[in-house]
Protein backbone atom coordinates (compact mmCIF):
# COMPACT_ATOMS: atom_id res chain seq x y z
CA MET A 1 -111.64 0.24 75.33
CA GLN A 2 -109.27 2.20 77.53
CA SER A 3 -106.97 -0.82 77.86
CA LEU A 4 -106.90 -1.21 74.07
CA LEU A 5 -105.98 2.42 73.62
CA ARG A 6 -103.19 2.15 76.20
CA ARG A 7 -101.88 -0.94 74.46
CA GLY A 8 -101.84 0.74 71.06
CA THR A 9 -100.01 3.76 72.43
CA ALA A 10 -97.40 1.58 74.14
CA LEU A 11 -96.55 -0.05 70.82
CA PHE A 12 -95.27 3.26 69.47
CA THR A 13 -93.49 4.44 72.64
CA PRO A 14 -89.69 4.19 72.47
CA SER A 15 -88.41 1.81 75.08
CA ALA A 16 -84.98 1.11 76.46
CA SER A 17 -82.96 -1.87 75.19
CA PRO A 18 -83.87 -5.11 76.83
CA SER A 19 -82.26 -5.24 80.24
CA PRO A 20 -79.30 -7.50 80.89
CA SER A 21 -81.65 -9.94 82.60
CA SER A 22 -83.58 -10.34 79.35
CA THR A 23 -81.42 -13.26 78.32
CA PRO A 24 -82.67 -15.78 75.66
CA ASN A 25 -82.59 -18.48 78.36
CA PRO A 26 -84.48 -17.19 81.46
CA SER A 27 -82.71 -19.73 83.64
CA GLU A 28 -79.30 -18.08 82.92
CA PRO A 29 -78.24 -15.51 85.46
CA PRO A 30 -77.50 -11.98 84.28
CA ARG A 31 -73.90 -11.50 83.24
CA SER A 32 -71.79 -8.68 84.50
CA ILE A 33 -70.46 -6.65 81.55
CA ARG A 34 -67.53 -4.56 82.73
CA SER A 35 -64.91 -4.83 79.92
CA PRO A 36 -64.72 -5.72 76.27
CA ASP A 37 -63.48 -9.18 77.32
CA ASP A 38 -66.90 -9.88 78.78
CA PHE A 39 -68.59 -9.72 75.35
CA ILE A 40 -69.50 -13.08 73.81
CA LYS A 41 -70.90 -14.19 70.50
CA ALA A 42 -74.64 -14.92 70.47
CA PRO A 43 -74.78 -18.47 69.13
CA ALA A 44 -77.90 -17.94 67.01
CA ALA A 45 -79.85 -15.15 65.37
CA GLU A 46 -82.71 -15.62 67.84
CA SER A 47 -80.44 -15.04 70.84
CA LEU A 48 -78.66 -11.80 69.83
CA PHE A 49 -81.74 -9.61 70.10
CA VAL A 50 -85.14 -10.20 71.73
CA LYS A 51 -87.92 -11.26 69.36
CA PRO A 52 -91.37 -9.64 69.84
CA ASP A 53 -93.82 -11.89 71.59
CA PRO A 54 -97.48 -11.67 70.49
CA ALA A 55 -98.60 -12.23 74.11
CA THR A 56 -96.97 -9.02 75.27
CA ASP A 57 -96.21 -7.05 72.08
CA GLY A 58 -99.47 -7.66 70.28
CA GLU A 59 -100.52 -9.60 67.26
CA ASP A 60 -99.12 -7.00 64.91
CA CYS A 61 -95.63 -8.51 65.25
CA LEU A 62 -96.90 -11.52 63.29
CA HIS A 63 -98.05 -9.57 60.26
CA ASP A 64 -96.39 -7.41 57.62
CA CYS A 65 -97.74 -3.91 56.89
CA ALA A 66 -101.25 -4.11 55.33
CA THR A 67 -101.34 -0.50 54.14
CA CYS A 68 -98.05 -0.43 52.27
CA THR A 69 -98.51 0.59 48.63
CA ILE A 70 -94.81 0.73 47.68
CA LYS A 71 -93.55 -2.32 45.83
CA TYR A 72 -90.18 -3.43 44.53
CA PRO A 73 -89.81 -3.97 40.76
CA ALA A 74 -91.13 -7.25 39.47
CA LYS A 75 -87.64 -8.59 38.83
CA PHE A 76 -86.26 -7.68 42.29
CA ASP A 77 -84.99 -11.07 43.30
CA VAL A 78 -82.60 -11.79 46.17
CA ASP A 79 -81.03 -14.88 47.72
CA GLN A 80 -83.43 -16.48 50.17
CA GLU A 81 -81.46 -19.67 50.87
CA ASP A 82 -78.23 -18.65 52.60
CA GLU A 83 -77.81 -18.66 56.35
CA MET A 84 -76.87 -15.01 56.91
CA TYR A 85 -76.41 -14.74 60.64
CA GLY A 86 -72.84 -14.70 61.96
CA ASN A 87 -71.20 -14.28 58.55
CA VAL A 88 -70.29 -10.58 58.80
CA ASN A 89 -66.82 -9.53 59.82
CA GLY A 90 -66.67 -7.71 63.11
CA TRP A 91 -65.82 -4.00 63.37
CA SER A 92 -65.07 -1.65 66.23
CA THR A 93 -66.10 1.77 64.97
CA HIS A 94 -68.06 2.98 61.92
CA LEU A 95 -67.28 6.26 60.08
CA LEU A 96 -69.82 7.84 57.71
CA VAL A 97 -68.37 10.53 55.43
CA ALA A 98 -70.69 13.22 54.02
CA THR A 99 -70.52 13.45 50.24
CA GLY A 100 -74.03 14.80 49.41
CA LYS A 101 -74.34 11.89 46.86
CA THR A 102 -76.33 8.72 46.75
CA ASP A 103 -73.98 6.70 44.47
CA TRP A 104 -70.24 6.52 44.19
CA VAL A 105 -67.42 4.88 42.25
CA ARG A 106 -67.27 1.17 42.77
CA ASP A 107 -64.74 1.45 45.66
CA VAL A 108 -65.31 4.69 47.49
CA ALA A 109 -61.64 4.78 48.52
CA ASP A 110 -60.89 5.28 44.80
CA GLU A 111 -62.54 8.69 44.85
CA GLU A 112 -59.43 10.87 44.33
CA GLY A 113 -58.88 13.62 46.86
CA SER A 114 -61.62 12.43 49.17
CA VAL A 115 -61.66 11.79 52.89
CA MET A 116 -62.56 8.18 52.13
CA GLU A 117 -59.30 7.79 50.17
CA ALA A 118 -57.30 9.39 52.96
CA VAL A 119 -58.87 7.12 55.61
CA ASP A 120 -58.35 3.93 53.62
CA ARG A 121 -54.93 4.66 52.12
CA GLY A 122 -53.37 7.36 54.31
CA GLY A 123 -51.27 4.86 56.26
CA VAL A 124 -52.71 5.75 59.75
CA LEU A 125 -54.75 2.85 61.24
CA PRO A 126 -57.04 3.18 64.31
CA SER A 127 -55.60 1.61 67.42
CA ASN A 128 -58.94 0.50 68.81
CA GLY A 129 -59.85 -2.07 66.17
CA LYS A 130 -61.33 -2.31 62.69
CA LEU A 131 -62.90 0.78 61.23
CA LYS A 132 -65.87 0.34 58.93
CA LEU A 133 -65.84 3.10 56.31
CA SER A 134 -68.92 4.33 54.46
CA ALA A 135 -69.57 7.24 52.05
CA SER A 136 -73.01 8.76 52.79
CA ASN A 137 -75.49 11.23 51.38
CA MET A 138 -75.12 13.43 54.47
CA PRO A 139 -75.05 16.98 53.20
CA VAL A 140 -71.59 18.61 52.83
CA PRO A 141 -70.95 22.04 54.39
CA ASP A 142 -71.19 25.13 52.17
CA GLU A 143 -67.38 25.54 52.37
CA TYR A 144 -66.92 22.22 50.61
CA HIS A 145 -67.79 23.79 47.27
CA ALA A 146 -65.32 26.69 47.72
CA HIS A 147 -62.22 24.50 47.81
CA GLU A 148 -60.27 22.45 45.32
CA LYS A 149 -60.49 18.64 45.28
CA GLY A 150 -58.27 17.27 47.98
CA GLU A 151 -58.83 20.26 50.23
CA GLN A 152 -62.61 20.13 50.63
CA PRO A 153 -63.80 20.11 54.23
CA THR A 154 -66.69 17.79 55.00
CA THR A 155 -68.60 16.32 57.91
CA VAL A 156 -68.21 12.80 59.35
CA LEU A 157 -70.42 10.81 61.78
CA LEU A 158 -68.61 8.39 64.07
CA LEU A 159 -70.55 5.36 65.44
CA PRO A 160 -71.37 3.89 67.93
CA SER A 161 -70.41 7.09 69.78
CA PHE A 162 -72.99 9.24 67.83
CA THR A 163 -70.27 11.88 67.39
CA ILE A 164 -70.21 14.46 64.51
CA ILE A 165 -66.82 15.90 63.59
CA ASP A 166 -66.89 18.98 61.42
CA HIS A 167 -64.65 20.32 58.68
CA VAL A 168 -62.58 17.23 58.16
CA THR A 169 -60.24 17.44 55.11
CA PRO A 170 -58.08 14.69 53.67
CA LYS A 171 -54.97 16.24 55.25
CA LEU A 172 -56.66 16.20 58.66
CA VAL A 173 -57.56 12.49 58.50
CA PRO A 174 -54.53 11.43 60.64
CA GLU A 175 -55.65 13.93 63.26
CA LEU A 176 -59.20 12.63 62.99
CA ILE A 177 -58.01 9.08 63.68
CA ARG A 178 -55.62 9.85 66.54
CA SER A 179 -57.72 12.46 68.33
CA PHE A 180 -61.26 11.18 67.80
CA ILE A 181 -61.43 7.58 66.57
CA ASP A 182 -58.61 6.08 68.66
CA PRO A 183 -60.09 7.20 72.05
CA ALA A 184 -63.69 6.64 70.99
CA MET A 185 -66.01 4.05 72.42
CA THR A 186 -66.32 0.92 70.32
CA ASN A 187 -68.94 -1.75 69.70
CA THR A 188 -67.64 -3.65 72.78
CA THR A 189 -67.43 -0.74 75.20
CA PRO A 190 -69.76 -1.68 78.04
CA LEU A 191 -72.74 0.55 78.73
CA ASN A 192 -73.09 0.12 82.44
CA VAL A 193 -69.59 0.63 83.77
CA PRO A 194 -69.47 3.32 86.46
CA PRO A 195 -67.14 6.26 85.55
CA VAL A 196 -64.52 5.55 88.25
CA LEU A 197 -64.34 1.89 87.28
CA ALA A 198 -64.26 2.74 83.59
CA GLU A 199 -61.19 4.95 84.08
CA THR A 200 -59.37 2.20 85.93
CA GLU A 201 -60.23 -0.35 83.26
CA GLY A 202 -59.29 1.84 80.34
CA VAL A 203 -62.78 2.81 79.14
CA ASP A 204 -62.78 6.41 77.88
CA THR A 205 -65.20 8.68 79.73
CA GLY A 206 -64.34 12.18 78.53
CA LEU A 207 -62.24 14.44 76.29
CA THR A 208 -58.69 13.43 75.71
CA GLU A 209 -55.81 15.82 75.63
CA GLU A 210 -55.49 15.18 71.88
CA GLN A 211 -59.10 16.25 71.38
CA VAL A 212 -58.65 19.44 73.33
CA MET A 213 -55.54 20.24 71.28
CA SER A 214 -57.02 19.23 67.93
CA SER A 215 -57.99 21.78 65.28
CA LEU A 216 -61.06 19.64 64.62
CA ARG A 217 -64.20 20.11 66.63
CA SER A 218 -66.90 17.55 67.50
CA ARG A 219 -70.49 17.63 68.70
CA PRO A 220 -73.12 15.03 69.62
CA CYS A 221 -75.29 13.65 66.86
CA PRO A 222 -78.83 14.82 67.79
CA HIS A 223 -80.62 11.71 66.63
CA ALA A 224 -82.01 8.96 68.81
CA ALA A 225 -81.36 6.42 66.12
CA VAL A 226 -80.02 6.30 62.52
CA ILE A 227 -81.11 4.01 59.70
CA LEU A 228 -78.46 3.27 57.12
CA LEU A 229 -79.58 2.08 53.70
CA CYS A 230 -77.12 0.80 51.04
CA SER A 231 -77.90 2.80 47.90
CA GLN A 232 -74.83 2.11 45.78
CA LYS A 233 -76.28 1.07 42.40
CA THR A 234 -72.73 0.89 40.89
CA ARG A 235 -72.26 -2.28 42.99
CA ASP A 236 -75.76 -3.66 42.52
CA ALA A 237 -78.84 -2.17 40.83
CA ARG A 238 -81.15 -3.56 43.55
CA CYS A 239 -79.48 -1.30 46.10
CA GLY A 240 -80.14 1.73 43.95
CA GLN A 241 -83.71 0.63 43.54
CA SER A 242 -84.53 -0.37 47.10
CA ALA A 243 -82.98 2.46 49.16
CA PRO A 244 -85.26 5.31 47.91
CA LEU A 245 -88.34 3.09 48.24
CA LEU A 246 -87.49 1.98 51.76
CA ARG A 247 -86.78 5.58 52.80
CA ARG A 248 -90.26 6.66 51.65
CA GLU A 249 -91.87 3.85 53.58
CA PHE A 250 -89.80 4.49 56.74
CA ASP A 251 -90.69 8.21 56.51
CA ARG A 252 -94.34 7.31 56.24
CA HIS A 253 -94.29 5.41 59.58
CA LEU A 254 -91.91 7.82 61.40
CA ARG A 255 -93.86 11.05 60.65
CA PRO A 256 -96.98 10.31 62.73
CA LEU A 257 -94.68 9.56 65.67
CA GLY A 258 -92.80 12.89 65.32
CA LEU A 259 -89.60 10.99 64.66
CA HIS A 260 -88.99 11.89 61.04
CA ARG A 261 -85.97 14.05 60.29
CA ASP A 262 -84.81 15.45 56.96
CA LEU A 263 -81.10 15.46 56.13
CA ASP A 264 -80.71 19.06 57.41
CA ASP A 265 -82.99 18.69 60.40
CA GLU A 266 -80.96 18.74 63.61
CA ARG A 267 -83.75 18.91 66.14
CA PRO A 268 -82.85 16.69 69.05
CA GLY A 269 -84.29 13.20 69.05
CA GLY A 270 -85.89 11.59 65.99
CA VAL A 271 -84.44 9.17 63.45
CA GLY A 272 -81.99 10.05 60.74
CA ILE A 273 -82.02 8.02 57.54
CA TYR A 274 -78.83 7.98 55.38
CA PHE A 275 -77.94 6.34 52.16
CA ILE A 276 -74.50 4.74 52.36
CA SER A 277 -72.04 2.92 50.14
CA HIS A 278 -71.67 -0.81 49.73
CA VAL A 279 -71.64 -2.85 52.95
CA GLY A 280 -71.38 -6.33 51.44
CA GLY A 281 -73.96 -8.97 50.77
CA HIS A 282 -75.85 -7.15 47.97
CA LYS A 283 -77.37 -10.46 47.03
CA TYR A 284 -79.38 -10.11 50.21
CA ALA A 285 -80.68 -6.62 49.32
CA ALA A 286 -81.98 -4.57 50.89
CA ASN A 287 -79.39 -4.16 53.68
CA VAL A 288 -80.63 -1.98 56.53
CA ILE A 289 -78.31 -1.12 59.51
CA VAL A 290 -79.87 0.45 62.57
CA TYR A 291 -77.86 2.13 65.33
CA ARG A 292 -80.09 3.14 68.27
CA ARG A 293 -79.72 4.73 71.66
CA ARG A 294 -81.34 2.96 74.60
CA ASP A 295 -82.77 6.32 75.82
CA PHE A 296 -84.64 8.24 73.12
CA ASP A 297 -85.12 11.17 75.52
CA TRP A 298 -81.47 11.53 76.61
CA TYR A 299 -81.49 15.19 75.41
CA LYS A 300 -84.20 16.18 77.88
CA GLU A 301 -81.83 16.08 80.86
CA THR A 302 -82.01 19.08 83.13
CA GLU A 303 -79.17 21.58 83.36
CA ALA A 304 -78.37 20.22 86.85
CA GLN A 305 -78.05 16.70 85.43
CA VAL A 306 -75.84 17.89 82.61
CA ALA A 307 -73.59 19.73 85.13
CA GLU A 308 -73.42 16.65 87.31
CA ALA A 309 -72.57 14.46 84.35
CA SER A 310 -69.73 16.86 83.35
CA ALA A 311 -68.39 16.86 86.89
CA ILE A 312 -67.89 13.10 86.84
CA LYS A 313 -66.76 13.00 83.16
CA THR A 314 -69.65 10.88 82.02
CA ALA A 315 -69.73 11.05 78.20
CA ASP A 316 -72.62 10.40 75.88
CA GLU A 317 -73.09 6.61 76.00
CA GLY A 318 -73.78 6.41 72.26
CA ALA A 319 -75.52 3.55 70.55
CA SER A 320 -76.58 0.67 72.76
CA GLN A 321 -77.34 -1.58 69.77
CA CYS A 322 -76.50 -2.00 66.10
CA ILE A 323 -79.04 -4.23 64.29
CA TRP A 324 -78.06 -5.28 60.75
CA LEU A 325 -80.93 -6.61 58.70
CA ALA A 326 -81.18 -7.78 55.09
CA ARG A 327 -83.81 -9.02 52.71
CA VAL A 328 -85.88 -6.09 53.87
CA ARG A 329 -88.90 -5.20 51.83
CA PRO A 330 -91.26 -2.18 52.06
CA GLU A 331 -93.90 -4.20 53.87
CA ASP A 332 -91.37 -4.85 56.69
CA CYS A 333 -90.82 -1.15 57.44
CA GLU A 334 -93.78 -0.64 59.78
CA ASN A 335 -92.72 -3.39 62.19
CA ILE A 336 -89.07 -2.36 61.93
CA VAL A 337 -90.09 1.06 63.19
CA ARG A 338 -92.51 -0.34 65.81
CA TYR A 339 -90.24 -3.01 67.24
CA THR A 340 -86.66 -2.55 66.06
CA ILE A 341 -86.24 1.26 66.04
CA LEU A 342 -88.36 1.90 69.15
CA GLN A 343 -87.70 -1.27 71.22
CA GLY A 344 -84.49 -2.89 69.94
CA LYS A 345 -86.26 -6.16 69.00
CA VAL A 346 -86.03 -8.09 65.75
CA VAL A 347 -89.24 -9.45 64.17
CA LYS A 348 -87.71 -11.94 61.74
CA PRO A 349 -84.28 -12.91 63.11
CA GLY A 350 -84.13 -16.28 61.32
CA THR A 351 -84.51 -14.81 57.83
CA GLN A 352 -83.42 -11.14 58.10
CA LEU A 353 -80.75 -10.76 60.81
CA ARG A 354 -77.15 -10.58 59.57
CA GLY A 355 -75.46 -9.41 62.73
CA GLY A 356 -74.82 -6.55 65.13
CA PHE A 357 -74.13 -5.96 68.78
CA ASP A 358 -75.88 -5.22 72.06
CA ARG A 359 -73.58 -3.31 74.39
CA GLU A 360 -75.91 -3.55 77.40
CA ARG A 361 -76.17 -7.39 77.22
CA GLY A 362 -72.54 -7.92 76.11
CA LEU A 363 -73.48 -9.78 72.91
CA ILE A 364 -71.97 -9.63 69.37
CA SER A 365 -72.61 -11.61 66.25
CA TRP A 366 -68.95 -12.29 65.23
């Protein structure tokens, strides 16, 4: 009985990402990931992330949720035939812009006077690769409503660095890009590079002079992971239908674990769930993108550890993985929480994995 109890508890305990030695082929030696050039494309969906094994992870990984009462509408039909893996365009950083809304004009960059418009059409491109841009339902600050369109300050979340930048206006977007996005870690910034080596190989490990001089201010995102759900019904009605239903089901499984966070809840740890604009592939609805830290308890460091980290300019390591799933249904949510959110594993890679990255293992899908 005690062994069964311990096993059940372990299933819901956040674990680190699989170690670099957890390669799909056990005979392959661990690779040294010291620069973006060391990242390689995982050849198949089953090799990008570890799949749960019933022998070690329990029989639950073989079954969908049995207690789920939420259902999609009867006519909710998606493409089940296409091979999805490896068909998403790569990106380097991902910017979520707070709008307080769950639906937007067809192209969010068409929203006149918005930060999205300024990012997409302002003429300043990030120097560290492609930027994925999403409008989100993150709440806007109170000051947003006191300004005219085109001058409204809002909040943005930069991934994979898990960085929040406050009071961004359209006019400050060039400063946002030069001071915060350009020097930020990307999806192919190695996780395990020592600070001294990182500096010599051009990997950012601390504040830049531009950030110190900037009028914008940043702070760490408090969450251990974020779940992004496409909710843009102006692009596809299924996205508008699925996002609220999936959120309810994710919430139901996160609450007993103490990981549920409302939009305004900034307690450290936990999982934030945000609705975002169109990410492509709505015929595979629902699209679910998970960014997760490898250490869910990073915020529990002692003051001495924080001081030591500051002395050697070790920055927040950000998200270790991004796991992009599609064809997600409410009955999948329990195991996505149990295995994907908490352990960085993918239960149904062959039918649900579109792509992503693993910065610890040096793997990408594009």
